[in-house]
Amino acid sequence: MSHPIHQFFAKPDTVDLEGLRAYLDGLDHPARLEATRQIGGREQARLFEAAKGFKPVTLEDFVPSSTATMTEVIHHGRNTLPAFNFFQKRFCRPEGKTDELWGYNEQSMKWAVGPGYFVTRQSDPQEVVIDYYQVPPGKVETWPDIKQNSSGLSRLVYDKMQDFMRGVSDHVSIGRAAKKGKDMDAWFVLTRE
């Protein structure tokens, strides 16, 4: 049976962004998470293109300013890869910095490919970039040890990667990965707790 979220992708050449935003904003977290996990690969690609300039996304969307520094904020993700589709990006606001966030990836293959640490910053007034070229100098105490993305199997996944994020609703963003400056056919949707 089709999930109600698919109605916003019913027309082949457009996405009903206003309807989708209102729908997602009207759900509680468990229902919102279930809905975003139903957005498949083609729909994610369409959503990323449609969301350009729709809802400006800022660091505040990833870690609200009301959150204490060095406090974890979890975003649940669903990607378009052939396997290992569900993951989390965990963010925090570092002490003494207002222009960046620190974070890492929590996922089932972390033991093999590493935590994939990143620094997040505003890339332009409309979008945010999650940048794996940079590894933060600190972390939340409970997070795994910081490792360079250029070492071991991490280099195959995270090295020279950036994720460009666009806003969809108050808790949901859509991203596209780029490697060595080239867009990849890899998208993902994030839902903030």
Protein backbone atom coordinates (compact mmCIF):
# COMPACT_ATOMS: atom_id res chain seq x y z
CA MET A 1 0.00 0.00 0.00
CA SER A 2 1.28 3.43 -0.91
CA HIS A 3 2.30 5.78 1.90
CA PRO A 4 0.56 9.22 1.94
CA ILE A 5 3.91 10.95 1.36
CA HIS A 6 3.98 9.70 -2.25
CA GLN A 7 1.05 11.99 -3.15
CA PHE A 8 3.48 14.94 -3.17
CA PHE A 9 5.50 13.23 -5.93
CA ALA A 10 2.48 12.18 -8.02
CA LYS A 11 3.17 14.53 -10.93
CA PRO A 12 6.21 13.30 -12.90
CA ASP A 13 7.76 16.73 -13.54
CA THR A 14 7.25 18.46 -10.19
CA VAL A 15 7.14 18.02 -6.42
CA ASP A 16 4.40 19.65 -4.34
CA LEU A 17 6.88 21.29 -1.95
CA GLU A 18 4.36 23.46 -0.10
CA GLY A 19 2.09 20.47 0.50
CA LEU A 20 5.02 18.26 1.51
CA ARG A 21 6.34 20.87 3.94
CA ALA A 22 2.92 21.34 5.58
CA TYR A 23 2.41 17.58 5.78
CA LEU A 24 5.80 16.92 7.42
CA ASP A 25 5.47 19.86 9.82
CA GLY A 26 2.09 18.51 10.92
CA LEU A 27 3.47 15.13 12.01
CA ASP A 28 5.07 14.16 15.30
CA HIS A 29 8.62 12.80 15.19
CA PRO A 30 7.83 9.06 14.86
CA ALA A 31 5.32 9.66 12.05
CA ARG A 32 7.66 12.14 10.32
CA LEU A 33 10.52 9.63 10.48
CA GLU A 34 8.32 6.86 9.07
CA ALA A 35 7.18 9.17 6.25
CA THR A 36 10.67 10.27 5.24
CA ARG A 37 11.89 6.67 5.24
CA GLN A 38 9.35 6.03 2.46
CA ILE A 39 10.99 8.54 0.08
CA GLY A 40 12.79 6.40 -2.49
CA GLY A 41 15.80 7.12 -4.67
CA ARG A 42 14.10 8.74 -7.67
CA GLU A 43 11.92 10.81 -5.36
CA GLN A 44 14.97 11.96 -3.38
CA ALA A 45 16.73 13.07 -6.58
CA ARG A 46 13.61 14.98 -7.66
CA LEU A 47 13.21 16.49 -4.19
CA PHE A 48 16.80 17.74 -4.12
CA GLU A 49 16.37 19.56 -7.44
CA ALA A 50 12.95 20.94 -6.52
CA ALA A 51 14.14 22.17 -3.11
CA LYS A 52 16.75 24.54 -4.56
CA GLY A 53 15.88 27.95 -3.09
CA PHE A 54 12.63 26.65 -1.53
CA LYS A 55 13.42 26.87 2.19
CA PRO A 56 16.77 28.35 3.15
CA VAL A 57 18.57 25.95 5.47
CA THR A 58 21.02 27.12 8.13
CA LEU A 59 23.09 25.66 10.93
CA GLU A 60 20.12 26.43 13.20
CA ASP A 61 18.13 23.74 11.35
CA PHE A 62 20.73 21.13 12.32
CA VAL A 63 21.43 22.25 15.89
CA PRO A 64 18.93 24.79 17.25
CA SER A 65 20.56 27.67 19.16
CA SER A 66 18.55 26.65 22.24
CA THR A 67 20.68 23.48 22.41
CA ALA A 68 23.66 23.68 24.78
CA THR A 69 27.11 23.54 23.21
CA MET A 70 28.69 20.10 22.83
CA THR A 71 25.24 18.47 23.05
CA GLU A 72 24.36 15.83 20.47
CA VAL A 73 21.49 16.41 18.03
CA ILE A 74 20.57 13.34 15.98
CA HIS A 75 19.33 13.42 12.39
CA HIS A 76 17.99 10.12 11.05
CA GLY A 77 18.91 9.43 7.44
CA ARG A 78 17.73 7.34 4.54
CA ASN A 79 20.00 7.23 1.49
CA THR A 80 19.74 5.95 -2.08
CA LEU A 81 22.64 3.49 -1.90
CA PRO A 82 22.03 -0.16 -2.86
CA ALA A 83 22.57 -1.28 0.77
CA PHE A 84 22.96 0.16 4.29
CA ASN A 85 20.21 2.69 3.64
CA PHE A 86 19.57 3.81 7.22
CA PHE A 87 22.02 5.85 9.29
CA GLN A 88 22.31 8.86 11.58
CA LYS A 89 24.27 12.06 11.30
CA ARG A 90 25.01 13.37 14.77
CA PHE A 91 25.81 17.06 15.17
CA CYS A 92 26.89 19.41 17.95
CA ARG A 93 27.62 23.11 18.28
CA PRO A 94 31.23 23.58 19.47
CA GLU A 95 32.04 25.99 22.27
CA GLY A 96 33.18 29.41 21.11
CA LYS A 97 32.11 28.93 17.47
CA THR A 98 28.94 30.14 15.81
CA ASP A 99 29.87 29.53 12.18
CA GLU A 100 30.25 25.73 12.20
CA LEU A 101 28.97 22.47 13.65
CA TRP A 102 30.87 19.25 14.29
CA GLY A 103 29.60 15.76 13.69
CA TYR A 104 29.99 12.17 12.57
CA ASN A 105 28.03 9.30 10.97
CA GLU A 106 26.50 6.58 13.10
CA GLN A 107 25.77 3.51 10.98
CA SER A 108 26.08 -0.28 10.97
CA MET A 109 29.36 -0.33 8.99
CA LYS A 110 31.13 2.18 11.25
CA TRP A 111 33.40 -0.61 12.53
CA ALA A 112 34.80 -1.04 8.99
CA VAL A 113 34.70 2.41 7.39
CA GLY A 114 35.05 4.57 10.49
CA PRO A 115 32.85 7.26 11.96
CA GLY A 116 33.21 9.73 9.09
CA TYR A 117 33.76 12.93 11.07
CA PHE A 118 32.87 16.25 9.42
CA VAL A 119 32.57 20.00 9.89
CA THR A 120 29.31 21.64 8.81
CA ARG A 121 29.06 25.27 7.70
CA GLN A 122 26.91 27.57 5.61
CA SER A 123 27.88 27.16 1.94
CA ASP A 124 25.67 30.04 0.75
CA PRO A 125 22.59 31.85 2.12
CA GLN A 126 20.32 28.96 1.01
CA GLU A 127 22.37 25.80 1.68
CA VAL A 128 24.63 24.08 4.19
CA VAL A 129 27.62 21.85 3.40
CA ILE A 130 28.65 18.84 5.47
CA ASP A 131 32.36 18.80 4.74
CA TYR A 132 34.47 15.65 5.16
CA TYR A 133 37.62 17.45 3.98
CA GLN A 134 37.67 18.84 7.52
CA VAL A 135 37.78 16.77 10.70
CA PRO A 136 36.79 18.59 13.91
CA PRO A 137 39.39 19.06 16.64
CA GLY A 138 36.93 17.95 19.34
CA LYS A 139 33.80 15.89 19.91
CA VAL A 140 30.99 15.06 22.29
CA GLU A 141 32.42 12.86 25.06
CA THR A 142 30.34 9.79 24.15
CA TRP A 143 31.23 9.88 20.44
CA PRO A 144 33.80 7.47 18.97
CA ASP A 145 37.47 8.40 18.63
CA ILE A 146 38.17 10.93 15.90
CA LYS A 147 39.86 9.37 12.86
CA GLN A 148 41.07 10.99 9.67
CA ASN A 149 38.83 10.32 6.67
CA SER A 150 41.90 9.71 4.50
CA SER A 151 42.99 6.59 6.40
CA GLY A 152 41.98 2.94 6.09
CA LEU A 153 38.65 2.11 4.50
CA SER A 154 37.36 5.57 5.47
CA ARG A 155 39.09 7.01 2.42
CA LEU A 156 36.81 4.96 0.13
CA VAL A 157 33.68 6.39 1.72
CA TYR A 158 34.37 9.79 3.28
CA ASP A 159 37.66 11.15 1.92
CA LYS A 160 37.25 14.27 -0.25
CA MET A 161 33.46 14.17 0.14
CA GLN A 162 30.94 16.94 0.75
CA ASP A 163 27.17 16.74 1.26
CA PHE A 164 25.14 19.74 0.09
CA MET A 165 21.93 20.22 2.04
CA ARG A 166 18.66 21.95 1.11
CA GLY A 167 15.65 22.64 3.32
CA VAL A 168 12.33 20.81 2.99
CA SER A 169 10.50 21.48 6.29
CA ASP A 170 11.26 22.53 9.86
CA HIS A 171 12.82 19.12 10.68
CA VAL A 172 13.65 17.65 7.26
CA SER A 173 16.44 18.35 4.78
CA ILE A 174 17.57 16.71 1.54
CA GLY A 175 21.20 16.24 0.57
CA ARG A 176 23.35 15.23 -2.37
CA ALA A 177 26.87 13.90 -2.03
CA ALA A 178 29.84 15.16 -4.06
CA LYS A 179 33.26 13.52 -4.22
CA LYS A 180 36.36 15.47 -5.28
CA GLY A 181 34.07 18.31 -6.38
CA LYS A 182 31.87 16.17 -8.64
CA ASP A 183 28.20 15.46 -7.90
CA MET A 184 27.46 11.82 -7.23
CA ASP A 185 24.23 9.96 -7.95
CA ALA A 186 23.78 9.68 -4.19
CA TRP A 187 21.03 11.49 -2.28
CA PHE A 188 19.71 11.23 1.27
CA VAL A 189 16.96 12.69 3.42
CA LEU A 190 17.58 13.71 7.04
CA THR A 191 14.98 14.02 9.79
CA ARG A 192 15.97 15.85 12.99
CA GLU A 193 14.82 14.48 16.33
